[in-house]
């Protein structure tokens, strides 16, 4: 695993693709590759390579210690969850704008 320098931010969108979503189209479907790709592009456009984005699907077999640890920490939170540098920041529906705002706030706190 690459070490992040102190200005880099690691974010993860944690969701469960097997959980039934709102019929009215509530929020972004983070389980779709298109949504994650678009978010990644917006992040790169705004922050360059300082922010690393991962998508973690809790319905997939957990094959990493990090995924199992995350699952334990967030079990009482609503999905999807935005995790920044290992800490849950947004629980429940969020869009790309909120994701970018949370990254901005995290960068300001690091200054």
C-alpha atoms as a PDB file:
ATOM      1  CA  UNK A   1       0.000   0.000   0.000  1.00  0.00           C
ATOM      2  CA  UNK A   2       1.321   3.413  -0.918  1.00  0.00           C
ATOM      3  CA  UNK A   3       1.812   5.788   1.949  1.00  0.00           C
ATOM      4  CA  UNK A   4      -0.064   9.044   1.663  1.00  0.00           C
ATOM      5  CA  UNK A   5       1.831  12.225   2.287  1.00  0.00           C
ATOM      6  CA  UNK A   6       0.244  14.613   4.745  1.00  0.00           C
ATOM      7  CA  UNK A   7      -1.623  16.546   2.038  1.00  0.00           C
ATOM      8  CA  UNK A   8      -3.256  13.466   0.450  1.00  0.00           C
ATOM      9  CA  UNK A   9      -6.786  12.423   1.329  1.00  0.00           C
ATOM     10  CA  UNK A  10      -8.188   8.898   1.039  1.00  0.00           C
ATOM     11  CA  UNK A  11     -11.939   8.672   0.632  1.00  0.00           C
ATOM     12  CA  UNK A  12     -14.242   5.695   0.313  1.00  0.00           C
ATOM     13  CA  UNK A  13     -17.871   5.424  -0.592  1.00  0.00           C
ATOM     14  CA  UNK A  14     -19.235   2.497   1.390  1.00  0.00           C
ATOM     15  CA  UNK A  15     -22.510   0.995   0.190  1.00  0.00           C
ATOM     16  CA  UNK A  16     -24.324  -2.306  -0.240  1.00  0.00           C
ATOM     17  CA  UNK A  17     -25.426  -3.018  -3.804  1.00  0.00           C
ATOM     18  CA  UNK A  18     -27.826  -5.720  -2.590  1.00  0.00           C
ATOM     19  CA  UNK A  19     -29.899  -3.383  -0.401  1.00  0.00           C
ATOM     20  CA  UNK A  20     -33.081  -2.226  -2.094  1.00  0.00           C
ATOM     21  CA  UNK A  21     -32.913   1.434  -3.033  1.00  0.00           C
ATOM     22  CA  UNK A  22     -35.687   4.009  -2.923  1.00  0.00           C
ATOM     23  CA  UNK A  23     -38.212   3.521  -5.771  1.00  0.00           C
ATOM     24  CA  UNK A  24     -38.458   7.283  -6.302  1.00  0.00           C
ATOM     25  CA  UNK A  25     -34.809   7.519  -7.327  1.00  0.00           C
ATOM     26  CA  UNK A  26     -33.588   8.980  -4.044  1.00  0.00           C
ATOM     27  CA  UNK A  27     -29.973  10.011  -4.325  1.00  0.00           C
ATOM     28  CA  UNK A  28     -27.050   8.723  -6.343  1.00  0.00           C
ATOM     29  CA  UNK A  29     -26.787   4.992  -7.010  1.00  0.00           C
ATOM     30  CA  UNK A  30     -23.173   4.585  -5.901  1.00  0.00           C
ATOM     31  CA  UNK A  31     -23.256   0.908  -6.888  1.00  0.00           C
ATOM     32  CA  UNK A  32     -23.227   1.974 -10.547  1.00  0.00           C
ATOM     33  CA  UNK A  33     -19.810   2.202 -12.145  1.00  0.00           C
ATOM     34  CA  UNK A  34     -20.912   5.364 -13.945  1.00  0.00           C
ATOM     35  CA  UNK A  35     -21.585   7.241 -10.692  1.00  0.00           C
ATOM     36  CA  UNK A  36     -18.221   6.295  -9.182  1.00  0.00           C
ATOM     37  CA  UNK A  37     -16.408   7.118 -12.436  1.00  0.00           C
ATOM     38  CA  UNK A  38     -18.097  10.531 -12.615  1.00  0.00           C
ATOM     39  CA  UNK A  39     -17.259  11.247  -8.972  1.00  0.00           C
ATOM     40  CA  UNK A  40     -13.646  10.239  -9.585  1.00  0.00           C
ATOM     41  CA  UNK A  41     -13.433  12.550 -12.592  1.00  0.00           C
ATOM     42  CA  UNK A  42     -14.909  15.498 -10.674  1.00  0.00           C
ATOM     43  CA  UNK A  43     -12.484  14.854  -7.821  1.00  0.00           C
ATOM     44  CA  UNK A  44      -9.501  14.766 -10.218  1.00  0.00           C
ATOM     45  CA  UNK A  45     -10.709  17.927 -11.967  1.00  0.00           C
ATOM     46  CA  UNK A  46     -10.966  19.806  -8.685  1.00  0.00           C
ATOM     47  CA  UNK A  47      -8.187  18.357  -6.536  1.00  0.00           C
ATOM     48  CA  UNK A  48      -5.791  16.638  -8.922  1.00  0.00           C
ATOM     49  CA  UNK A  49      -4.058  13.538  -7.574  1.00  0.00           C
ATOM     50  CA  UNK A  50      -4.243  14.575  -3.910  1.00  0.00           C
ATOM     51  CA  UNK A  51      -7.490  12.657  -3.336  1.00  0.00           C
ATOM     52  CA  UNK A  52      -7.822   8.889  -3.774  1.00  0.00           C
ATOM     53  CA  UNK A  53     -11.336   7.461  -4.246  1.00  0.00           C
ATOM     54  CA  UNK A  54     -12.433   3.885  -3.516  1.00  0.00           C
ATOM     55  CA  UNK A  55     -15.853   2.250  -3.649  1.00  0.00           C
ATOM     56  CA  UNK A  56     -16.495  -0.509  -1.099  1.00  0.00           C
ATOM     57  CA  UNK A  57     -19.489  -2.784  -1.674  1.00  0.00           C
ATOM     58  CA  UNK A  58     -20.403  -4.466   1.611  1.00  0.00           C
ATOM     59  CA  UNK A  59     -22.326  -7.207  -0.240  1.00  0.00           C
ATOM     60  CA  UNK A  60     -19.100  -8.395  -1.903  1.00  0.00           C
ATOM     61  CA  UNK A  61     -17.074 -10.939  -0.023  1.00  0.00           C
ATOM     62  CA  UNK A  62     -14.769  -8.954   2.237  1.00  0.00           C
ATOM     63  CA  UNK A  63     -11.264  -9.961   1.318  1.00  0.00           C
ATOM     64  CA  UNK A  64      -9.421  -7.235   3.167  1.00  0.00           C
ATOM     65  CA  UNK A  65      -8.915  -6.503   6.825  1.00  0.00           C
ATOM     66  CA  UNK A  66      -9.734  -2.835   6.172  1.00  0.00           C
ATOM     67  CA  UNK A  67     -13.190  -3.690   4.738  1.00  0.00           C
ATOM     68  CA  UNK A  68     -14.021  -5.911   7.721  1.00  0.00           C
ATOM     69  CA  UNK A  69     -12.906  -3.221  10.164  1.00  0.00           C
ATOM     70  CA  UNK A  70     -14.984  -0.595   8.356  1.00  0.00           C
ATOM     71  CA  UNK A  71     -18.045  -2.847   8.404  1.00  0.00           C
ATOM     72  CA  UNK A  72     -17.779  -3.139  12.204  1.00  0.00           C
ATOM     73  CA  UNK A  73     -17.379   0.625  12.717  1.00  0.00           C
ATOM     74  CA  UNK A  74     -20.314   1.645  10.526  1.00  0.00           C
ATOM     75  CA  UNK A  75     -22.875  -1.038  11.337  1.00  0.00           C
ATOM     76  CA  UNK A  76     -25.331   1.421  12.954  1.00  0.00           C
ATOM     77  CA  UNK A  77     -25.054   4.080  10.234  1.00  0.00           C
ATOM     78  CA  UNK A  78     -27.285   4.531   7.188  1.00  0.00           C
ATOM     79  CA  UNK A  79     -25.844   3.601   3.825  1.00  0.00           C
ATOM     80  CA  UNK A  80     -24.245   4.929   1.732  1.00  0.00           C
ATOM     81  CA  UNK A  81     -21.452   6.335   3.869  1.00  0.00           C
ATOM     82  CA  UNK A  82     -18.677   8.711   2.886  1.00  0.00           C
ATOM     83  CA  UNK A  83     -15.491   7.833   4.763  1.00  0.00           C
ATOM     84  CA  UNK A  84     -12.603  10.312   4.691  1.00  0.00           C
ATOM     85  CA  UNK A  85      -9.212   9.196   5.995  1.00  0.00           C
ATOM     86  CA  UNK A  86     -10.868   6.329   7.860  1.00  0.00           C
ATOM     87  CA  UNK A  87     -13.567   8.438   9.556  1.00  0.00           C
ATOM     88  CA  UNK A  88     -17.261   8.402   8.574  1.00  0.00           C
ATOM     89  CA  UNK A  89     -18.223  11.926   7.461  1.00  0.00           C
ATOM     90  CA  UNK A  90     -21.636  11.542   5.769  1.00  0.00           C
ATOM     91  CA  UNK A  91     -24.166   8.819   6.508  1.00  0.00           C
ATOM     92  CA  UNK A  92     -27.186   8.433   4.237  1.00  0.00           C
ATOM     93  CA  UNK A  93     -27.853   9.778   0.776  1.00  0.00           C
ATOM     94  CA  UNK A  94     -25.334  12.267  -0.602  1.00  0.00           C
ATOM     95  CA  UNK A  95     -24.449  13.519  -4.047  1.00  0.00           C
ATOM     96  CA  UNK A  96     -21.222  14.542  -5.744  1.00  0.00           C
ATOM     97  CA  UNK A  97     -21.602  18.164  -4.581  1.00  0.00           C
ATOM     98  CA  UNK A  98     -21.720  17.092  -0.913  1.00  0.00           C
ATOM     99  CA  UNK A  99     -18.812  14.724  -1.496  1.00  0.00           C
ATOM    100  CA  UNK A 100     -16.717  17.569  -2.941  1.00  0.00           C
ATOM    101  CA  UNK A 101     -17.743  19.910  -0.091  1.00  0.00           C
ATOM    102  CA  UNK A 102     -16.644  17.307   2.475  1.00  0.00           C
ATOM    103  CA  UNK A 103     -13.268  16.952   0.750  1.00  0.00           C
ATOM    104  CA  UNK A 104     -12.883  20.751   0.735  1.00  0.00           C
ATOM    105  CA  UNK A 105     -13.599  20.862   4.468  1.00  0.00           C
ATOM    106  CA  UNK A 106     -11.086  18.089   5.131  1.00  0.00           C
ATOM    107  CA  UNK A 107      -8.406  19.924   3.162  1.00  0.00           C
ATOM    108  CA  UNK A 108      -9.071  23.137   5.078  1.00  0.00           C
ATOM    109  CA  UNK A 109      -8.710  21.293   8.398  1.00  0.00           C
ATOM    110  CA  UNK A 110      -5.314  19.958   7.282  1.00  0.00           C
ATOM    111  CA  UNK A 111      -3.907  23.448   6.667  1.00  0.00           C
END
